[in-house]
Amino acid sequence: MPLHLVPDAPKPAETEKDRIRKRIKALPKPKDMIQCPRCGGREVIETRIGVFETARTWSGGTKVLLCALCFMRGERVVLK
């Protein structure tokens, strides 16, 4: 039985949202500012995973920075 390969689908046309995302990503920013690679947003949520609470203080755990705009859409994009 011969193997039949499916040809690649044509790339979708660039939408208005895609053009806006490209424009936002291209805006000038300070060198050390964090920016989301997916949406271009600069809002960040700091989360901690695996934290212990002892005597009403938190200790341990791993800090992770998430893009706030992607998080609101249900995506989890880790920054740095």
N, C-alpha and C. Protein backbone atom coordinates (compact mmCIF):
# COMPACT_ATOMS: atom_id res chain seq x y z
N MET A 1 0.86 -1.17 0.00
CA MET A 1 0.00 0.00 0.00
C MET A 1 0.90 1.24 0.00
N PRO A 2 0.82 2.07 -1.03
CA PRO A 2 1.69 3.25 -1.10
C PRO A 2 1.26 4.33 -0.11
N LEU A 3 2.25 5.09 0.32
CA LEU A 3 2.01 6.19 1.26
C LEU A 3 1.67 7.45 0.47
N HIS A 4 0.55 8.07 0.78
CA HIS A 4 0.14 9.31 0.12
C HIS A 4 0.27 10.45 1.11
N LEU A 5 1.06 11.45 0.77
CA LEU A 5 1.25 12.61 1.64
C LEU A 5 0.25 13.69 1.28
N VAL A 6 -0.24 14.35 2.29
CA VAL A 6 -1.19 15.44 2.10
C VAL A 6 -0.39 16.72 1.88
N PRO A 7 -0.70 17.48 0.84
CA PRO A 7 0.05 18.73 0.62
C PRO A 7 -0.21 19.74 1.74
N ASP A 8 0.78 20.62 1.95
CA ASP A 8 0.64 21.65 2.98
C ASP A 8 -0.54 22.56 2.67
N ALA A 9 -1.21 22.97 3.73
CA ALA A 9 -2.33 23.90 3.58
C ALA A 9 -1.77 25.29 3.31
N PRO A 10 -2.47 26.10 2.55
CA PRO A 10 -1.98 27.46 2.31
C PRO A 10 -2.02 28.26 3.61
N LYS A 11 -1.06 29.19 3.74
CA LYS A 11 -1.02 30.02 4.94
C LYS A 11 -2.24 30.93 4.97
N PRO A 12 -2.84 31.10 6.15
CA PRO A 12 -4.01 31.98 6.23
C PRO A 12 -3.62 33.43 5.97
N ALA A 13 -4.54 34.18 5.45
CA ALA A 13 -4.29 35.59 5.18
C ALA A 13 -4.09 36.33 6.50
N GLU A 14 -3.23 37.34 6.47
CA GLU A 14 -2.95 38.12 7.68
C GLU A 14 -4.19 38.93 8.07
N THR A 15 -4.62 38.77 9.31
CA THR A 15 -5.81 39.46 9.78
C THR A 15 -5.43 40.79 10.42
N GLU A 16 -6.43 41.56 10.78
CA GLU A 16 -6.20 42.84 11.44
C GLU A 16 -5.53 42.63 12.79
N LYS A 17 -5.93 41.58 13.53
CA LYS A 17 -5.31 41.29 14.82
C LYS A 17 -3.82 40.99 14.67
N ASP A 18 -3.46 40.24 13.64
CA ASP A 18 -2.05 39.92 13.41
C ASP A 18 -1.24 41.18 13.12
N ARG A 19 -1.80 42.09 12.33
CA ARG A 19 -1.09 43.34 12.02
C ARG A 19 -0.91 44.18 13.28
N ILE A 20 -1.93 44.21 14.16
CA ILE A 20 -1.82 44.98 15.40
C ILE A 20 -0.77 44.38 16.31
N ARG A 21 -0.75 43.03 16.43
CA ARG A 21 0.26 42.37 17.27
C ARG A 21 1.67 42.67 16.78
N LYS A 22 1.88 42.63 15.47
CA LYS A 22 3.20 42.95 14.92
C LYS A 22 3.60 44.38 15.24
N ARG A 23 2.64 45.30 15.13
CA ARG A 23 2.93 46.71 15.40
C ARG A 23 3.28 46.92 16.87
N ILE A 24 2.55 46.25 17.78
CA ILE A 24 2.81 46.40 19.21
C ILE A 24 4.17 45.81 19.57
N LYS A 25 4.51 44.66 19.01
CA LYS A 25 5.80 44.04 19.30
C LYS A 25 6.96 44.89 18.81
N ALA A 26 6.74 45.66 17.75
CA ALA A 26 7.81 46.47 17.17
C ALA A 26 7.99 47.81 17.87
N LEU A 27 7.10 48.18 18.79
CA LEU A 27 7.23 49.46 19.49
C LEU A 27 8.52 49.49 20.30
N PRO A 28 9.16 50.67 20.40
CA PRO A 28 10.39 50.75 21.19
C PRO A 28 10.10 50.53 22.67
N LYS A 29 11.05 49.89 23.35
CA LYS A 29 10.92 49.64 24.78
C LYS A 29 12.29 49.65 25.41
N PRO A 30 12.37 49.91 26.73
CA PRO A 30 13.67 49.83 27.40
C PRO A 30 14.26 48.43 27.28
N LYS A 31 15.58 48.35 27.31
CA LYS A 31 16.30 47.10 27.08
C LYS A 31 15.91 46.00 28.05
N ASP A 32 15.69 46.34 29.31
CA ASP A 32 15.43 45.34 30.34
C ASP A 32 13.95 45.06 30.57
N MET A 33 13.06 45.68 29.80
CA MET A 33 11.63 45.47 30.00
C MET A 33 11.20 44.12 29.43
N ILE A 34 10.38 43.41 30.19
CA ILE A 34 9.89 42.10 29.76
C ILE A 34 8.67 42.30 28.87
N GLN A 35 8.62 41.55 27.77
CA GLN A 35 7.50 41.64 26.84
C GLN A 35 7.11 40.23 26.41
N CYS A 36 5.82 39.98 26.32
CA CYS A 36 5.32 38.66 25.94
C CYS A 36 5.64 38.38 24.47
N PRO A 37 6.23 37.22 24.17
CA PRO A 37 6.53 36.91 22.77
C PRO A 37 5.29 36.57 21.95
N ARG A 38 4.19 36.19 22.61
CA ARG A 38 2.98 35.78 21.89
C ARG A 38 2.10 36.97 21.54
N CYS A 39 1.79 37.84 22.54
CA CYS A 39 0.84 38.93 22.28
C CYS A 39 1.50 40.30 22.29
N GLY A 40 2.72 40.41 22.79
CA GLY A 40 3.40 41.70 22.85
C GLY A 40 3.06 42.51 24.08
N GLY A 41 2.27 41.95 24.99
CA GLY A 41 1.88 42.66 26.21
C GLY A 41 3.04 42.81 27.18
N ARG A 42 2.93 43.81 28.05
CA ARG A 42 3.98 44.08 29.02
C ARG A 42 3.48 43.99 30.45
N GLU A 43 2.26 43.49 30.64
CA GLU A 43 1.71 43.29 31.98
C GLU A 43 2.12 41.91 32.47
N VAL A 44 2.50 41.82 33.75
CA VAL A 44 3.05 40.58 34.29
C VAL A 44 2.34 40.21 35.58
N ILE A 45 2.10 38.91 35.78
CA ILE A 45 1.60 38.37 37.04
C ILE A 45 2.70 37.49 37.61
N GLU A 46 3.05 37.70 38.88
CA GLU A 46 4.06 36.85 39.52
C GLU A 46 3.34 35.77 40.33
N THR A 47 3.64 34.52 40.03
CA THR A 47 3.02 33.41 40.75
C THR A 47 4.11 32.59 41.42
N ARG A 48 3.74 31.87 42.46
CA ARG A 48 4.67 30.98 43.16
C ARG A 48 4.08 29.59 43.19
N ILE A 49 4.91 28.60 42.94
CA ILE A 49 4.50 27.20 42.91
C ILE A 49 5.24 26.46 44.01
N GLY A 50 4.53 25.69 44.82
CA GLY A 50 5.17 24.87 45.85
C GLY A 50 5.59 25.65 47.08
N VAL A 51 4.76 26.57 47.55
CA VAL A 51 5.08 27.41 48.70
C VAL A 51 4.59 26.74 49.98
N PHE A 52 5.40 26.82 51.04
CA PHE A 52 5.02 26.33 52.36
C PHE A 52 4.70 27.51 53.25
N GLU A 53 3.66 27.35 54.08
CA GLU A 53 3.32 28.40 55.03
C GLU A 53 3.68 27.91 56.42
N THR A 54 4.62 28.59 57.06
CA THR A 54 5.01 28.25 58.42
C THR A 54 4.99 29.52 59.24
N ALA A 55 4.29 29.48 60.35
CA ALA A 55 4.17 30.64 61.24
C ALA A 55 3.71 31.89 60.48
N ARG A 56 2.71 31.71 59.64
CA ARG A 56 2.11 32.80 58.86
C ARG A 56 3.09 33.49 57.91
N THR A 57 4.15 32.84 57.53
CA THR A 57 5.06 33.38 56.51
C THR A 57 5.22 32.33 55.42
N TRP A 58 5.44 32.79 54.21
CA TRP A 58 5.63 31.89 53.09
C TRP A 58 7.11 31.64 52.91
N SER A 59 7.45 30.40 52.59
CA SER A 59 8.84 30.07 52.32
C SER A 59 8.92 29.05 51.20
N GLY A 60 10.04 29.09 50.49
CA GLY A 60 10.26 28.14 49.41
C GLY A 60 9.44 28.46 48.19
N GLY A 61 9.39 27.52 47.30
CA GLY A 61 8.60 27.69 46.09
C GLY A 61 9.41 28.26 44.94
N THR A 62 8.81 28.23 43.79
CA THR A 62 9.43 28.72 42.57
C THR A 62 8.60 29.87 42.03
N LYS A 63 9.25 31.02 41.81
CA LYS A 63 8.55 32.17 41.25
C LYS A 63 8.52 32.06 39.73
N VAL A 64 7.37 32.38 39.15
CA VAL A 64 7.21 32.36 37.70
C VAL A 64 6.48 33.63 37.30
N LEU A 65 6.94 34.26 36.22
CA LEU A 65 6.26 35.43 35.68
C LEU A 65 5.39 35.00 34.51
N LEU A 66 4.11 35.38 34.56
CA LEU A 66 3.16 35.04 33.50
C LEU A 66 2.68 36.31 32.82
N CYS A 67 2.36 36.23 31.54
CA CYS A 67 1.78 37.35 30.81
C CYS A 67 0.33 37.50 31.27
N ALA A 68 -0.03 38.69 31.75
CA ALA A 68 -1.38 38.92 32.28
C ALA A 68 -2.44 38.87 31.17
N LEU A 69 -2.13 39.40 30.00
CA LEU A 69 -3.12 39.42 28.92
C LEU A 69 -3.41 38.02 28.39
N CYS A 70 -2.37 37.22 28.23
CA CYS A 70 -2.58 35.84 27.78
C CYS A 70 -3.28 35.03 28.86
N PHE A 71 -2.97 35.30 30.13
CA PHE A 71 -3.59 34.58 31.24
C PHE A 71 -5.09 34.83 31.28
N MET A 72 -5.52 36.07 30.97
CA MET A 72 -6.95 36.39 30.95
C MET A 72 -7.68 35.66 29.82
N ARG A 73 -6.94 35.29 28.77
CA ARG A 73 -7.54 34.53 27.66
C ARG A 73 -7.48 33.03 27.89
N GLY A 74 -6.92 32.62 29.04
CA GLY A 74 -6.85 31.20 29.35
C GLY A 74 -5.57 30.52 28.92
N GLU A 75 -4.59 31.29 28.47
CA GLU A 75 -3.30 30.73 28.06
C GLU A 75 -2.28 30.97 29.18
N ARG A 76 -1.30 30.10 29.28
CA ARG A 76 -0.25 30.25 30.31
C ARG A 76 1.07 30.44 29.60
N VAL A 77 1.49 31.70 29.44
CA VAL A 77 2.74 32.02 28.77
C VAL A 77 3.73 32.46 29.84
N VAL A 78 4.79 31.66 30.03
CA VAL A 78 5.81 31.95 31.03
C VAL A 78 6.83 32.89 30.42
N LEU A 79 7.14 33.97 31.15
CA LEU A 79 8.12 34.95 30.69
C LEU A 79 9.40 34.77 31.50
N LYS A 80 10.50 34.75 30.85
CA LYS A 80 11.84 34.59 31.45
C LYS A 80 11.90 33.38 32.31
